[in-house]
Protein backbone atom coordinates (compact mmCIF):
# COMPACT_ATOMS: atom_id res chain seq x y z
CA UNK A 1 148.11 32.71 86.03
CA UNK A 2 147.99 34.52 89.42
CA UNK A 3 144.86 34.97 91.52
CA UNK A 4 144.53 38.58 90.50
CA UNK A 5 144.39 37.63 86.87
CA UNK A 6 141.91 34.79 87.45
CA UNK A 7 139.31 36.80 89.34
CA UNK A 8 139.19 39.34 86.52
CA UNK A 9 137.81 36.48 84.36
CA UNK A 10 135.19 35.23 86.81
CA UNK A 11 131.56 36.21 87.29
CA UNK A 12 129.99 36.90 90.72
CA UNK A 13 128.57 33.43 91.28
CA UNK A 14 131.94 31.66 90.77
CA UNK A 15 133.74 34.23 92.79
CA UNK A 16 131.36 33.43 95.69
CA UNK A 17 132.24 29.81 95.46
CA UNK A 18 135.88 30.71 96.34
CA UNK A 19 134.79 33.18 98.95
CA UNK A 20 132.93 30.23 100.70
CA UNK A 21 136.39 28.58 101.26
CA UNK A 22 137.43 31.18 103.79
CA UNK A 23 134.21 32.80 105.10
CA UNK A 24 130.59 31.59 105.73
CA UNK A 25 129.21 35.11 105.73
CA UNK A 26 125.71 34.85 104.44
CA UNK A 27 125.97 38.32 102.82
CA UNK A 28 127.48 37.86 99.31
CA UNK A 29 129.15 41.07 98.02
CA UNK A 30 128.75 42.50 94.51
CA UNK A 31 131.14 41.67 91.67
CA UNK A 32 133.97 44.15 92.36
CA UNK A 33 133.85 43.73 96.09
CA UNK A 34 133.90 39.94 95.62
CA UNK A 35 137.16 40.27 93.57
CA UNK A 36 138.60 42.69 96.16
CA UNK A 37 137.64 40.36 98.99
CA UNK A 38 139.47 37.40 97.34
CA UNK A 39 142.63 39.46 96.62
CA UNK A 40 142.59 40.68 100.36
CA UNK A 41 142.54 37.05 101.35
CA UNK A 42 144.94 35.67 98.75
CA UNK A 43 147.65 34.95 101.40
CA UNK A 44 145.25 32.72 103.23
CA UNK A 45 144.15 30.99 100.08
CA UNK A 46 147.88 30.18 99.30
CA UNK A 47 148.68 29.15 102.83
CA UNK A 48 149.90 25.58 102.86
CA UNK A 49 148.06 24.65 106.12
CA UNK A 50 144.85 26.16 104.84
CA UNK A 51 145.10 24.18 101.63
CA UNK A 52 145.97 20.94 103.43
CA UNK A 53 142.89 21.41 105.64
CA UNK A 54 140.58 22.18 102.69
CA UNK A 55 141.86 19.04 100.95
CA UNK A 56 141.50 16.91 103.96
CA UNK A 57 140.31 13.34 103.20
CA UNK A 58 136.64 12.95 102.14
CA UNK A 59 134.47 10.47 103.92
CA UNK A 60 133.82 8.70 100.58
CA UNK A 61 137.04 7.17 99.25
CA UNK A 62 136.18 7.27 95.49
CA UNK A 63 135.55 10.96 95.86
CA UNK A 64 139.10 11.28 97.19
CA UNK A 65 140.29 9.54 94.09
CA UNK A 66 138.31 11.90 91.81
CA UNK A 67 139.76 15.02 93.56
CA UNK A 68 143.22 13.73 93.17
CA UNK A 69 142.83 12.96 89.50
CA UNK A 70 141.32 16.36 88.81
CA UNK A 71 144.07 18.22 90.65
CA UNK A 72 146.85 16.21 89.06
CA UNK A 73 145.41 16.81 85.64
CA UNK A 74 145.44 20.58 86.27
CA UNK A 75 148.92 20.48 87.81
CA UNK A 76 150.41 18.83 84.86
CA UNK A 77 148.56 21.11 82.33
CA UNK A 78 150.27 24.07 80.80
CA UNK A 79 149.76 27.10 83.09
CA UNK A 80 147.80 24.69 85.34
CA UNK A 81 144.59 25.34 83.44
CA UNK A 82 142.23 23.32 81.26
CA UNK A 83 138.82 23.79 79.59
CA UNK A 84 135.97 21.80 81.17
CA UNK A 85 135.96 19.22 78.22
CA UNK A 86 139.73 18.78 78.42
CA UNK A 87 139.60 18.44 82.16
CA UNK A 88 136.87 15.89 82.12
CA UNK A 89 138.81 13.83 79.42
CA UNK A 90 142.10 14.18 81.37
CA UNK A 91 140.51 12.96 84.66
CA UNK A 92 138.82 9.95 83.12
CA UNK A 93 141.98 9.17 81.14
CA UNK A 94 144.02 9.07 84.39
CA UNK A 95 141.63 6.70 85.93
CA UNK A 96 141.71 4.57 82.79
CA UNK A 97 145.48 4.59 82.86
CA UNK A 98 145.46 3.05 86.27
CA UNK A 99 143.06 0.32 85.13
CA UNK A 100 145.24 -0.39 82.01
CA UNK A 101 148.39 -0.56 83.96
CA UNK A 102 146.88 -2.87 86.54
CA UNK A 103 146.17 -5.32 83.73
CA UNK A 104 149.78 -5.54 82.85
CA UNK A 105 151.17 -8.62 84.39
CA UNK A 106 154.66 -7.02 84.67
CA UNK A 107 153.52 -3.95 86.57
CA UNK A 108 154.67 -5.38 89.94
CA UNK A 109 157.70 -7.17 88.65
CA UNK A 110 160.13 -5.25 90.78
CA UNK A 111 158.10 -5.28 93.89
CA UNK A 112 158.22 -7.52 97.00
CA UNK A 113 155.39 -10.01 96.14
CA UNK A 114 154.94 -11.03 99.84
CA UNK A 115 154.28 -7.43 100.86
CA UNK A 116 151.82 -6.91 98.02
CA UNK A 117 150.07 -10.07 98.86
CA UNK A 118 149.68 -8.95 102.50
CA UNK A 119 148.35 -5.55 101.52
CA UNK A 120 145.91 -7.05 98.87
CA UNK A 121 144.39 -9.33 101.47
CA UNK A 122 143.64 -6.35 103.74
CA UNK A 123 142.34 -4.31 100.88
CA UNK A 124 140.02 -7.12 99.77
CA UNK A 125 138.35 -7.18 103.21
CA UNK A 126 138.02 -3.33 103.25
CA UNK A 127 136.35 -3.50 99.79
CA UNK A 128 133.90 -6.31 100.61
CA UNK A 129 131.10 -3.61 100.71
CA UNK A 130 132.56 -1.82 97.65
CA UNK A 131 133.67 1.18 99.75
CA UNK A 132 136.59 2.11 102.08
CA UNK A 133 135.52 3.83 105.21
CA UNK A 134 137.72 6.42 106.97
CA UNK A 135 138.76 3.88 109.58
CA UNK A 136 139.70 1.37 106.98
CA UNK A 137 141.65 3.91 105.01
CA UNK A 138 143.59 4.87 108.21
CA UNK A 139 144.47 1.15 108.68
CA UNK A 140 145.59 0.88 105.01
CA UNK A 141 147.72 4.01 105.32
CA UNK A 142 149.48 2.62 108.36
CA UNK A 143 149.95 -0.71 106.59
CA UNK A 144 151.42 0.92 103.48
CA UNK A 145 153.92 2.78 105.56
CA UNK A 146 154.93 -0.36 107.30
CA UNK A 147 155.34 -2.29 104.04
CA UNK A 148 156.98 0.58 102.14
CA UNK A 149 154.20 0.80 99.56
CA UNK A 150 152.83 3.92 97.74
CA UNK A 151 149.31 5.11 97.03
CA UNK A 152 149.59 4.24 93.35
CA UNK A 153 150.42 0.59 94.37
CA UNK A 154 147.04 0.75 96.27
CA UNK A 155 145.20 2.09 93.18
CA UNK A 156 146.67 -0.66 90.98
CA UNK A 157 145.65 -3.42 93.46
CA UNK A 158 142.21 -1.92 93.76
CA UNK A 159 141.94 -1.90 89.97
CA UNK A 160 143.01 -5.56 89.86
CA UNK A 161 140.18 -6.24 92.28
CA UNK A 162 137.88 -4.72 89.75
CA UNK A 163 136.90 -1.77 92.06
CA UNK A 164 138.78 1.30 90.86
CA UNK A 165 137.58 3.93 91.23
CA UNK A 166 134.25 2.22 91.88
CA UNK A 167 132.76 -1.28 91.41
CA UNK A 168 133.29 -2.84 88.06
CA UNK A 169 136.23 -0.46 87.40
CA UNK A 170 133.62 2.18 86.43
CA UNK A 171 135.11 5.51 85.64
CA UNK A 172 133.56 8.70 87.21
CA UNK A 173 130.80 10.07 85.07
CA UNK A 174 130.91 13.64 83.55
CA UNK A 175 128.23 14.72 86.06
CA UNK A 176 130.23 13.38 88.92
CA UNK A 177 133.36 15.16 87.68
CA UNK A 178 131.47 18.42 87.34
CA UNK A 179 130.21 18.01 90.89
CA UNK A 180 133.86 17.45 91.99
CA UNK A 181 134.90 20.61 90.18
CA UNK A 182 132.24 22.62 92.00
CA UNK A 183 133.55 21.18 95.26
CA UNK A 184 137.08 22.09 94.54
CA UNK A 185 136.01 25.70 93.84
CA UNK A 186 134.30 25.88 97.22
CA UNK A 187 137.51 24.66 98.75
CA UNK A 188 139.26 27.66 97.27
CA UNK A 189 141.83 25.65 95.26
CA UNK A 190 140.37 25.76 91.76
CA UNK A 191 139.06 28.83 90.12
CA UNK A 192 136.59 28.74 87.16
CA UNK A 193 137.22 31.63 84.68
CA UNK A 194 133.95 31.64 82.86
CA UNK A 195 134.60 35.08 81.39
CA UNK A 196 137.87 34.13 79.68
CA UNK A 197 138.73 35.72 76.39
CA UNK A 198 137.82 32.61 74.46
CA UNK A 199 136.76 29.33 76.11
CA UNK A 200 136.05 29.19 79.81
CA UNK A 201 138.60 27.21 81.83
CA UNK A 202 139.48 25.91 85.22
CA UNK A 203 142.75 26.94 86.77
CA UNK A 204 144.86 26.45 89.97
CA UNK A 205 146.41 29.89 90.41
CA UNK A 206 150.18 29.90 90.67
CA UNK A 207 150.24 31.02 94.29
CA UNK A 208 148.03 28.02 95.30
CA UNK A 209 150.01 25.40 93.24
CA UNK A 210 152.82 24.83 95.82
CA UNK A 211 150.33 24.12 98.63
CA UNK A 212 148.35 21.73 96.40
CA UNK A 213 151.46 19.78 95.49
CA UNK A 214 152.45 19.48 99.11
CA UNK A 215 148.98 18.43 100.24
CA UNK A 216 149.06 15.75 97.51
CA UNK A 217 152.57 14.65 98.32
CA UNK A 218 153.80 15.52 94.88
CA UNK A 219 157.35 16.52 94.64
CA UNK A 220 157.62 16.60 90.95
CA UNK A 221 155.56 15.83 87.88
CA UNK A 222 156.53 12.59 86.12
CA UNK A 223 158.04 14.56 83.15
CA UNK A 224 160.06 16.84 85.53
CA UNK A 225 161.25 13.83 87.55
CA UNK A 226 162.32 12.10 84.29
CA UNK A 227 164.45 15.27 83.51
CA UNK A 228 165.96 15.12 86.94
CA UNK A 229 166.82 11.47 86.73
CA UNK A 230 168.27 12.01 83.26
CA UNK A 231 170.85 14.36 84.87
CA UNK A 232 172.27 11.52 86.99
CA UNK A 233 175.14 9.37 85.70
CA UNK A 234 174.66 5.63 85.13
CA UNK A 235 176.72 4.98 88.21
CA UNK A 236 174.57 7.24 90.35
CA UNK A 237 171.41 5.71 88.98
CA UNK A 238 172.79 2.25 89.82
CA UNK A 239 173.44 3.31 93.46
CA UNK A 240 169.94 4.63 93.74
CA UNK A 241 168.48 1.43 92.24
CA UNK A 242 170.56 -0.79 94.63
CA UNK A 243 169.51 1.36 97.61
CA UNK A 244 165.89 0.46 96.86
CA UNK A 245 166.69 -3.20 95.94
CA UNK A 246 165.82 -2.68 92.28
CA UNK A 247 167.53 -4.31 89.28
CA UNK A 248 170.29 -2.18 87.87
CA UNK A 249 170.52 -3.49 84.30
CA UNK A 250 169.16 -2.00 81.18
CA UNK A 251 169.34 1.31 79.29
CA UNK A 252 169.41 4.61 81.19
CA UNK A 253 165.76 5.37 80.32
CA UNK A 254 164.81 1.87 81.67
CA UNK A 255 166.62 2.51 84.93
CA UNK A 256 164.87 5.91 85.33
CA UNK A 257 161.44 4.33 84.56
CA UNK A 258 162.11 1.63 87.11
CA UNK A 259 162.54 4.21 89.89
CA UNK A 260 159.37 6.03 88.86
CA UNK A 261 157.35 2.76 88.69
CA UNK A 262 158.57 1.72 92.08
CA UNK A 263 157.29 5.05 93.61
CA UNK A 264 160.78 6.26 94.71
CA UNK A 265 160.39 9.95 95.50
CA UNK A 266 162.82 12.49 94.16
CA UNK A 267 163.99 13.37 97.55
CA UNK A 268 164.57 9.74 98.34
CA UNK A 269 166.62 9.17 95.18
CA UNK A 270 168.69 12.35 95.81
CA UNK A 271 169.30 11.27 99.47
CA UNK A 272 171.24 8.25 98.20
CA UNK A 273 173.90 10.52 96.60
CA UNK A 274 176.72 12.10 98.56
CA UNK A 275 176.85 15.81 99.33
CA UNK A 276 179.61 16.30 96.88
CA UNK A 277 177.53 14.70 94.02
CA UNK A 278 174.61 16.99 94.88
CA UNK A 279 176.89 20.03 94.89
CA UNK A 280 178.19 19.11 91.40
CA UNK A 281 174.66 18.44 90.18
CA UNK A 282 173.61 22.03 91.51
CA UNK A 283 176.41 23.51 89.45
CA UNK A 284 175.22 22.05 86.27
CA UNK A 285 171.71 23.60 86.68
CA UNK A 286 171.23 27.36 85.77
CA UNK A 287 170.50 29.53 88.73
CA UNK A 288 170.64 26.78 91.38
CA UNK A 289 172.55 27.44 94.58
CA UNK A 290 175.11 24.77 95.49
CA UNK A 291 175.80 25.92 99.09
CA UNK A 292 174.00 24.71 102.22
CA UNK A 293 173.48 21.39 103.83
CA UNK A 294 172.75 18.12 101.97
CA UNK A 295 168.99 18.47 102.48
CA UNK A 296 169.09 22.15 101.24
CA UNK A 297 171.07 21.15 98.14
CA UNK A 298 168.53 18.39 97.40
CA UNK A 299 165.64 20.82 98.03
CA UNK A 300 167.20 23.30 95.61
CA UNK A 301 167.49 20.69 92.91
CA UNK A 302 163.91 19.62 93.33
CA UNK A 303 162.64 23.18 93.44
CA UNK A 304 164.51 23.84 90.18
CA UNK A 305 162.76 21.03 88.33
CA UNK A 306 159.48 21.79 89.92
CA UNK A 307 159.53 25.22 88.48
CA UNK A 308 160.20 24.06 84.95
CA UNK A 309 157.55 24.11 82.24
CA UNK A 310 157.96 20.77 80.72
CA UNK A 311 156.45 20.11 77.23
CA UNK A 312 156.61 16.71 75.54
CA UNK A 313 157.02 16.75 71.80
CA UNK A 314 156.61 13.73 69.57
CA UNK A 315 159.81 12.24 68.12
CA UNK A 316 158.11 12.34 64.66
CA UNK A 317 157.41 16.16 64.94
CA UNK A 318 159.17 18.77 63.02
CA UNK A 319 162.46 19.51 64.91
CA UNK A 320 161.38 23.10 65.27
CA UNK A 321 158.22 22.16 67.13
CA UNK A 322 160.09 22.13 70.39
CA UNK A 323 161.33 25.70 69.69
CA UNK A 324 157.77 26.78 69.06
CA UNK A 325 156.46 25.17 72.22
CA UNK A 326 159.12 27.20 74.21
CA UNK A 327 158.55 30.31 72.21
CA UNK A 328 157.95 32.56 75.17
CA UNK A 329 160.88 31.28 77.00
CA UNK A 330 163.16 31.85 73.90
CA UNK A 331 161.87 35.44 73.69
CA UNK A 332 162.66 36.30 77.29
CA UNK A 333 165.92 34.27 77.35
CA UNK A 334 164.66 31.95 80.08
CA UNK A 335 167.90 30.01 80.58
CA UNK A 336 166.53 27.77 83.37
CA UNK A 337 163.67 26.32 81.24
CA UNK A 338 165.61 26.31 77.94
CA UNK A 339 168.88 24.61 79.16
CA UNK A 340 167.23 22.20 81.78
CA UNK A 341 164.63 21.05 79.09
CA UNK A 342 167.43 20.53 76.52
CA UNK A 343 165.70 23.03 74.15
CA UNK A 344 169.09 24.50 73.56
CA UNK A 345 172.59 23.45 74.59
CA UNK A 346 174.33 26.84 74.91
CA UNK A 347 173.26 30.42 75.62
CA UNK A 348 174.34 31.48 72.16
CA UNK A 349 171.75 29.14 70.58
CA UNK A 350 168.92 31.26 71.85
CA UNK A 351 168.58 33.86 69.11
CA UNK A 352 168.90 31.24 66.42
CA UNK A 353 166.25 29.02 68.00
CA UNK A 354 163.94 32.10 68.41
CA UNK A 355 164.20 32.86 64.66
CA UNK A 356 163.60 29.22 63.69
CA UNK A 357 160.56 29.11 66.03
CA UNK A 358 159.12 32.22 64.33
CA UNK A 359 159.88 30.80 60.88
CA UNK A 360 158.12 27.62 61.89
CA UNK A 361 155.10 29.68 63.22
CA UNK A 362 154.61 31.44 59.94
CA UNK A 363 155.03 28.40 57.76
CA UNK A 364 153.49 25.57 59.72
CA UNK A 365 150.86 27.41 61.83
CA UNK A 366 149.81 30.25 59.48
CA UNK A 367 150.50 28.39 56.20
CA UNK A 368 152.75 31.15 54.68
CA UNK A 369 155.95 30.74 52.55
CA UNK A 370 159.13 32.53 53.31
CA UNK A 371 161.01 34.23 50.44
CA UNK A 372 164.71 33.79 50.01
CA UNK A 373 167.17 36.53 51.31
CA UNK A 374 170.61 37.31 50.13
CA UNK A 375 173.64 38.67 52.06
CA UNK A 376 173.84 39.00 55.86
CA UNK A 377 172.17 42.32 56.49
CA UNK A 378 168.44 41.64 56.22
CA UNK A 379 165.32 41.08 58.40
CA UNK A 380 165.02 37.65 59.96
CA UNK A 381 162.06 36.74 57.75
CA UNK A 382 160.48 38.02 54.54
CA UNK A 383 156.93 37.01 53.25
CA UNK A 384 154.98 37.86 50.13
CA UNK A 385 152.28 40.04 51.64
CA UNK A 386 149.70 38.56 49.13
CA UNK A 387 148.30 41.95 48.00
CA UNK A 388 150.00 43.19 44.94
CA UNK A 389 153.82 43.24 44.83
CA UNK A 390 154.33 44.15 48.44
CA UNK A 391 156.44 42.40 51.19
CA UNK A 392 155.94 41.55 54.91
CA UNK A 393 159.12 41.56 57.04
CA UNK A 394 159.66 40.41 60.56
CA UNK A 395 162.52 40.49 63.04
CA UNK A 396 162.93 38.94 66.46
CA UNK A 397 164.41 40.57 69.56
CA UNK A 398 165.01 38.23 72.52
CA UNK A 399 165.50 40.17 75.80
CA UNK A 400 165.32 39.43 79.52
CA UNK A 401 163.29 42.61 80.14
CA UNK A 402 160.60 44.50 78.25
CA UNK A 403 161.36 45.70 74.71
CA UNK A 404 161.68 49.52 74.47
CA UNK A 405 162.59 49.81 70.73
CA UNK A 406 165.89 51.48 71.11
CA UNK A 407 167.06 53.94 68.40
CA UNK A 408 169.72 51.64 66.99
CA UNK A 409 167.02 49.15 66.19
CA UNK A 410 164.97 51.83 64.43
CA UNK A 411 167.99 52.58 62.24
CA UNK A 412 168.57 48.95 61.51
CA UNK A 413 164.88 48.32 60.56
CA UNK A 414 164.92 51.50 58.40
CA UNK A 415 167.80 50.10 56.53
CA UNK A 416 166.04 46.75 55.94
CA UNK A 417 163.01 48.61 54.55
CA UNK A 418 164.76 51.09 52.30
CA UNK A 419 167.16 48.50 50.85
CA UNK A 420 164.26 46.21 49.80
CA UNK A 421 163.64 45.90 45.98
CA UNK A 422 159.95 45.66 46.68
CA UNK A 423 157.79 47.91 48.88
CA UNK A 424 157.48 46.67 52.47
CA UNK A 425 153.86 47.04 53.56
CA UNK A 426 154.49 46.00 57.15
CA UNK A 427 157.49 45.34 59.43
CA UNK A 428 156.70 43.26 62.49
CA UNK A 429 158.97 43.23 65.55
CA UNK A 430 158.62 40.24 67.91
CA UNK A 431 159.81 40.57 71.54
CA UNK A 432 159.08 39.04 74.95
CA UNK A 433 156.97 42.02 76.13
CA UNK A 434 156.44 45.46 74.61
CA UNK A 435 157.01 48.67 76.64
CA UNK A 436 154.18 51.17 75.77
CA UNK A 437 156.83 53.77 75.13
CA UNK A 438 158.06 51.65 72.18
CA UNK A 439 155.08 52.99 70.22
CA UNK A 440 156.84 56.22 69.76
CA UNK A 441 159.62 54.77 67.67
CA UNK A 442 157.23 52.60 65.75
CA UNK A 443 155.37 55.75 64.67
CA UNK A 444 158.76 57.45 63.85
CA UNK A 445 159.81 54.48 61.73
CA UNK A 446 156.66 54.55 59.75
CA UNK A 447 157.04 58.32 59.13
CA UNK A 448 160.74 58.18 58.32
CA UNK A 449 160.90 54.98 56.35
CA UNK A 450 159.91 56.86 53.10
CA UNK A 451 157.51 54.09 52.11
CA UNK A 452 154.76 54.53 54.69
CA UNK A 453 155.54 51.04 55.99
CA UNK A 454 153.29 50.05 58.98
CA UNK A 455 155.39 49.04 62.02
CA UNK A 456 153.71 46.45 64.32
CA UNK A 457 155.05 45.35 67.76
CA UNK A 458 153.84 42.06 69.23
CA UNK A 459 154.75 40.05 72.34
CA UNK A 460 155.93 36.51 71.52
CA UNK A 461 153.14 35.01 73.72
CA UNK A 462 150.49 36.89 71.85
CA UNK A 463 151.83 35.87 68.38
CA UNK A 464 151.95 32.24 69.63
CA UNK A 465 148.40 32.60 70.81
CA UNK A 466 147.40 33.93 67.37
CA UNK A 467 149.07 31.07 65.64
CA UNK A 468 147.15 28.54 67.69
CA UNK A 469 143.82 30.24 67.76
CA UNK A 470 143.36 32.02 64.45
CA UNK A 471 141.41 29.18 62.74
CA UNK A 472 138.76 29.39 65.53
CA UNK A 473 138.03 32.96 64.18
CA UNK A 474 138.20 32.25 60.54
CA UNK A 475 135.78 30.82 58.09
CA UNK A 476 136.33 27.13 57.52
CA UNK A 477 137.83 27.85 54.12
CA UNK A 478 139.72 30.99 55.08
CA UNK A 479 143.49 31.31 54.77
CA UNK A 480 145.49 33.45 57.12
CA UNK A 481 145.56 37.02 55.77
CA UNK A 482 148.60 39.17 56.79
CA UNK A 483 146.31 42.09 56.94
CA UNK A 484 145.61 40.98 60.54
CA UNK A 485 149.19 41.99 61.39
CA UNK A 486 149.32 45.02 59.04
CA UNK A 487 149.12 47.62 61.72
CA UNK A 488 151.12 50.42 63.30
CA UNK A 489 151.16 50.02 67.03
CA UNK A 490 151.16 47.25 69.65
CA UNK A 491 149.30 44.14 68.67
CA UNK A 492 148.00 42.92 71.92
CA UNK A 493 145.37 40.18 72.11
CA UNK A 494 142.49 42.53 72.11
CA UNK A 495 143.69 44.22 68.98
CA UNK A 496 144.43 40.85 67.32
CA UNK A 497 140.92 39.58 68.05
CA UNK A 498 139.40 42.72 66.50
CA UNK A 499 141.56 42.36 63.44
CA UNK A 500 140.75 38.66 63.04
CA UNK A 501 137.09 39.47 63.14
CA UNK A 502 137.70 42.12 60.41
CA UNK A 503 139.88 40.17 58.01
CA UNK A 504 139.30 36.43 58.67
CA UNK A 505 135.56 36.25 59.08
């Protein structure tokens, strides 16, 4: 979500918090002027130096920890946004994960024990009063650099001392987290969209994300880093492990995990490889330039994985779940995300995966049963409409640009409708984004079908949203009613909300 989208979902008081990050003018403008003021200053809000300054170290160390946990939770969330309840849970879970990992006797098994002992001794002294002062933190930072340790090693040692994030390994309370979120809004890095279509949520706008990552020293999320390491050969992983004096044995996933646990940054891992190896790696990644210096090649590789939307799906889940999670990417033929996340292995798999994702959406998310089809010339899916003897048909159209509903598609869909043994009440076309001019052919198809079939057009992202949200709008016992989609025109979220209120409540 971009800044301009976020501000449209915010009331005046929350806009003023963001405004406070770049001006201390006592006069607070009205709603529209507040939005306009933020948009005029969007470049400053996204400036890396501005963000680094705003996220400068707090005088209270445990507050620094809280800020880091909140930002990391948002950075790893889909679209970098979470509801308040989800964000509170995610931040506390991150703190608990540190405590749990610290209790594992094997957590430091690949570390230099003498260096850890030295750092622990200094940390114990700093924590004698249960707090780390700015001067003590500066000393610890210098010592970590000298010993080659990372911040997460500090957190683990602090947890072993029973003082992470505070005395007694006490997690931050909900009220402390809420205060931290208000603080982040006033720093201009987190926006609170309290007027969202459904539940209010906190978000880091996409223009601000790169600066926040740089300020926190985050090159890649753990899941994106795992994807990158998975692209390396066993021999390359062995070279990287040897360079950092880590054991080289074990399965490939164990080798990758060892590098992550040791805190080896992606840039450091890639620096071990030769320029030729980096060039070959670039060539295997869609859209990544393989020219330039060694540092530029490594930077291109990291940027590629940083821009991916990585979704983890349980191994026990329906195999089509991964297609559903990348529904929007399949619709718009996003090769970078689909190939790099191993959603598909070849470009030609996109259309089939898009169809399977849609079939999964209707069956598993909406609870509907597909009817069998015969021959090869038919719509991608056919459902019993549930009202009389009528049918509901759908067809997917993946496209890198907006869908315009070309005439050849109208003739194709008209044939599907007319050849059906049963009346088709509604024909739904699912595409990445709908051009408003596509409505003209939808109306023509309804008029020319000979059966007065409604013709609905929906963006894949909006249909996915419907599949995930419809139960919130329905009575507890309600089943999904295809009347929600029985419409001639473009089914955007506003229209879908109206129709859910009409037919599900």
